[in-house]
Protein backbone atom coordinates (compact mmCIF):
# COMPACT_ATOMS: atom_id res chain seq x y z
CA UNK A 1 81.09 112.70 88.18
CA UNK A 2 79.67 115.93 86.80
CA UNK A 3 77.90 114.56 83.71
CA UNK A 4 76.06 117.75 82.73
CA UNK A 5 79.04 120.06 82.92
CA UNK A 6 80.19 121.55 79.60
CA UNK A 7 83.83 122.50 79.72
CA UNK A 8 85.28 125.38 77.71
CA UNK A 9 88.98 125.51 76.94
CA UNK A 10 90.77 128.09 74.81
CA UNK A 11 90.11 126.07 71.63
CA UNK A 12 87.64 123.35 72.56
CA UNK A 13 84.20 122.78 73.96
CA UNK A 14 83.89 119.48 75.82
CA UNK A 15 80.26 118.39 75.65
CA UNK A 16 79.07 115.76 78.12
CA UNK A 17 77.52 112.76 76.44
CA UNK A 18 73.88 111.94 76.87
CA UNK A 19 72.24 108.67 75.90
CA UNK A 20 70.94 110.38 72.75
CA UNK A 21 74.42 111.57 71.77
CA UNK A 22 76.02 108.18 72.44
CA UNK A 23 73.28 106.37 70.50
CA UNK A 24 73.60 108.77 67.57
CA UNK A 25 77.35 108.14 67.59
CA UNK A 26 76.62 104.44 67.04
CA UNK A 27 73.81 104.78 64.54
CA UNK A 28 73.29 108.19 62.91
CA UNK A 29 76.14 110.56 62.04
CA UNK A 30 73.72 113.24 60.86
CA UNK A 31 71.90 113.20 64.19
CA UNK A 32 75.24 113.20 66.04
CA UNK A 33 76.24 116.36 64.17
CA UNK A 34 72.91 117.98 64.99
CA UNK A 35 73.12 117.10 68.69
CA UNK A 36 76.67 118.42 68.95
CA UNK A 37 76.13 121.38 66.59
CA UNK A 38 79.29 120.29 64.82
CA UNK A 39 80.61 118.81 61.61
CA UNK A 40 81.40 115.10 61.95
CA UNK A 41 84.51 114.36 59.85
CA UNK A 42 84.40 111.31 57.55
CA UNK A 43 87.24 109.81 59.61
CA UNK A 44 85.09 109.62 62.76
CA UNK A 45 85.41 107.63 65.07
CA UNK A 46 89.01 108.00 66.24
CA UNK A 47 91.42 105.13 66.83
CA UNK A 48 90.53 102.75 69.67
CA UNK A 49 86.88 103.88 69.68
CA UNK A 50 85.44 100.93 67.78
CA UNK A 51 81.80 99.85 67.48
CA UNK A 52 81.96 97.53 70.50
CA UNK A 53 83.45 100.26 72.70
CA UNK A 54 80.84 102.80 71.60
CA UNK A 55 78.04 100.28 72.29
CA UNK A 56 79.49 99.69 75.79
CA UNK A 57 79.45 103.45 76.41
CA UNK A 58 75.74 103.55 75.53
CA UNK A 59 75.11 100.69 77.95
CA UNK A 60 77.02 102.38 80.78
CA UNK A 61 75.09 105.61 80.22
CA UNK A 62 71.69 103.88 80.04
CA UNK A 63 72.14 101.68 83.09
CA UNK A 64 73.92 104.22 85.28
CA UNK A 65 75.79 101.23 86.71
CA UNK A 66 79.07 103.13 87.08
CA UNK A 67 78.86 106.27 89.24
CA UNK A 68 82.17 107.48 87.81
CA UNK A 69 81.26 107.01 84.16
CA UNK A 70 81.20 110.17 82.12
CA UNK A 71 82.37 110.94 78.63
CA UNK A 72 82.74 114.19 76.73
CA UNK A 73 82.83 114.88 73.00
CA UNK A 74 85.57 117.31 72.03
CA UNK A 75 84.50 120.03 69.63
CA UNK A 76 87.09 122.26 68.01
CA UNK A 77 85.47 125.68 67.96
CA UNK A 78 87.43 127.42 65.22
CA UNK A 79 86.81 131.14 65.56
CA UNK A 80 88.52 131.85 62.22
CA UNK A 81 85.48 130.72 60.30
CA UNK A 82 85.98 126.99 59.88
CA UNK A 83 83.16 126.36 62.36
CA UNK A 84 82.74 123.57 64.89
CA UNK A 85 84.26 120.14 64.26
CA UNK A 86 84.17 116.96 66.33
CA UNK A 87 87.81 115.95 66.81
CA UNK A 88 87.87 113.50 69.73
CA UNK A 89 86.41 112.29 72.97
CA UNK A 90 87.44 111.25 76.42
CA UNK A 91 86.02 110.28 79.73
CA UNK A 92 86.16 108.35 82.94
CA UNK A 93 85.03 105.11 84.54
CA UNK A 94 85.47 103.48 87.93
CA UNK A 95 88.62 101.51 88.61
CA UNK A 96 87.41 98.09 89.80
CA UNK A 97 90.42 97.45 92.02
CA UNK A 98 90.46 100.83 93.79
CA UNK A 99 87.32 102.70 94.91
CA UNK A 100 89.12 106.06 95.23
CA UNK A 101 90.47 105.88 91.67
CA UNK A 102 88.92 106.60 88.29
CA UNK A 103 90.32 105.59 84.94
CA UNK A 104 90.60 108.14 82.15
CA UNK A 105 90.72 107.44 78.44
CA UNK A 106 90.77 109.63 75.37
CA UNK A 107 91.15 109.46 71.62
CA UNK A 108 91.64 112.07 68.89
CA UNK A 109 91.14 111.76 65.15
CA UNK A 110 94.44 111.21 63.34
CA UNK A 111 94.29 114.50 61.44
CA UNK A 112 94.00 116.46 64.71
CA UNK A 113 96.80 114.67 66.58
CA UNK A 114 100.02 116.45 67.46
CA UNK A 115 98.33 119.84 67.83
CA UNK A 116 97.93 119.87 71.61
CA UNK A 117 94.17 119.28 71.68
CA UNK A 118 94.30 116.15 73.83
CA UNK A 119 96.67 117.79 76.32
CA UNK A 120 94.34 120.80 76.50
CA UNK A 121 91.27 118.62 77.03
CA UNK A 122 92.86 116.35 79.65
CA UNK A 123 94.25 119.37 81.50
CA UNK A 124 90.71 120.80 81.78
CA UNK A 125 89.10 117.46 82.69
CA UNK A 126 91.40 116.83 85.67
CA UNK A 127 89.87 119.44 88.04
CA UNK A 128 86.35 118.28 87.14
CA UNK A 129 87.29 114.69 87.91
CA UNK A 130 88.89 115.60 91.24
CA UNK A 131 85.75 117.47 92.32
CA UNK A 132 83.93 114.12 92.42
CA UNK A 133 83.43 112.87 95.98
CA UNK A 134 85.95 110.26 97.06
CA UNK A 135 88.16 110.49 93.96
CA UNK A 136 91.80 110.71 95.01
CA UNK A 137 93.58 109.28 91.95
CA UNK A 138 93.22 109.18 88.19
CA UNK A 139 94.65 106.16 86.38
CA UNK A 140 95.50 106.04 82.68
CA UNK A 141 96.94 103.25 80.61
CA UNK A 142 98.51 103.39 77.19
CA UNK A 143 100.65 101.24 74.96
CA UNK A 144 104.43 101.77 75.15
CA UNK A 145 104.61 102.63 71.44
CA UNK A 146 102.03 105.46 71.74
CA UNK A 147 104.64 108.08 72.58
CA UNK A 148 102.24 111.01 72.01
CA UNK A 149 99.77 109.57 74.52
CA UNK A 150 102.53 109.12 77.07
CA UNK A 151 103.62 112.72 76.52
CA UNK A 152 100.03 113.97 77.06
CA UNK A 153 99.93 112.18 80.40
CA UNK A 154 103.34 113.49 81.44
CA UNK A 155 102.42 117.08 80.52
CA UNK A 156 99.24 116.66 82.58
CA UNK A 157 101.17 115.64 85.70
CA UNK A 158 100.73 111.86 85.54
CA UNK A 159 103.65 109.72 86.66
CA UNK A 160 104.50 106.13 85.67
CA UNK A 161 102.80 103.51 87.82
CA UNK A 162 104.21 100.37 86.23
CA UNK A 163 103.57 97.83 83.53
CA UNK A 164 100.14 96.16 83.37
CA UNK A 165 99.94 92.43 82.82
CA UNK A 166 96.21 92.55 82.13
CA UNK A 167 93.12 92.03 84.25
CA UNK A 168 90.74 94.56 85.78
CA UNK A 169 89.89 95.92 82.36
CA UNK A 170 93.48 96.82 81.52
CA UNK A 171 94.94 95.66 78.23
CA UNK A 172 97.89 93.34 78.53
CA UNK A 173 101.20 95.03 77.83
CA UNK A 174 100.08 98.57 78.61
CA UNK A 175 101.85 101.10 80.78
CA UNK A 176 99.98 102.61 83.72
CA UNK A 177 100.19 106.26 84.78
CA UNK A 178 98.65 107.84 87.85
CA UNK A 179 97.82 111.34 89.01
CA UNK A 180 97.13 111.87 92.72
CA UNK A 181 94.86 114.71 93.79
CA UNK A 182 97.28 117.54 94.65
CA UNK A 183 95.75 118.45 98.02
CA UNK A 184 96.53 115.05 99.56
């Protein structure tokens, strides 16, 4: 993965996580805001990014045990004067059952959902992910009732890949979506 690559989109700056940023996310909101040069809303962290998950992200970053692990913090860079605000995050990890596939996940604070930010971020992450050597597919899973998440994946070119029964890190009852590198 390209862990040091900042990504600029029309409305967002996607900042790659460092161990310091991930640790601050777990332990010190003030330091997190300083490291990201952004306001951290009181509602942080977003849904599905609980304490255990954030601790696991720190561990993955520290150990370097997953060559495809990378996560970015999504900063809304409001040019109208509201400043910079942390609104979400997303990243990748290896898919244990398929060496040419990475898994992508993302989450956005409730108050910033439905505004196209996740679609914008995922759209800009895809080319970065596919520049990684050996990566031919991106896998995403979501729950059937998370219609907005499904729509983000569809808008980003992902197609349904079936229902997951669990195992290999996938939550039971989730739907799988896949995006194959377009030059294949």
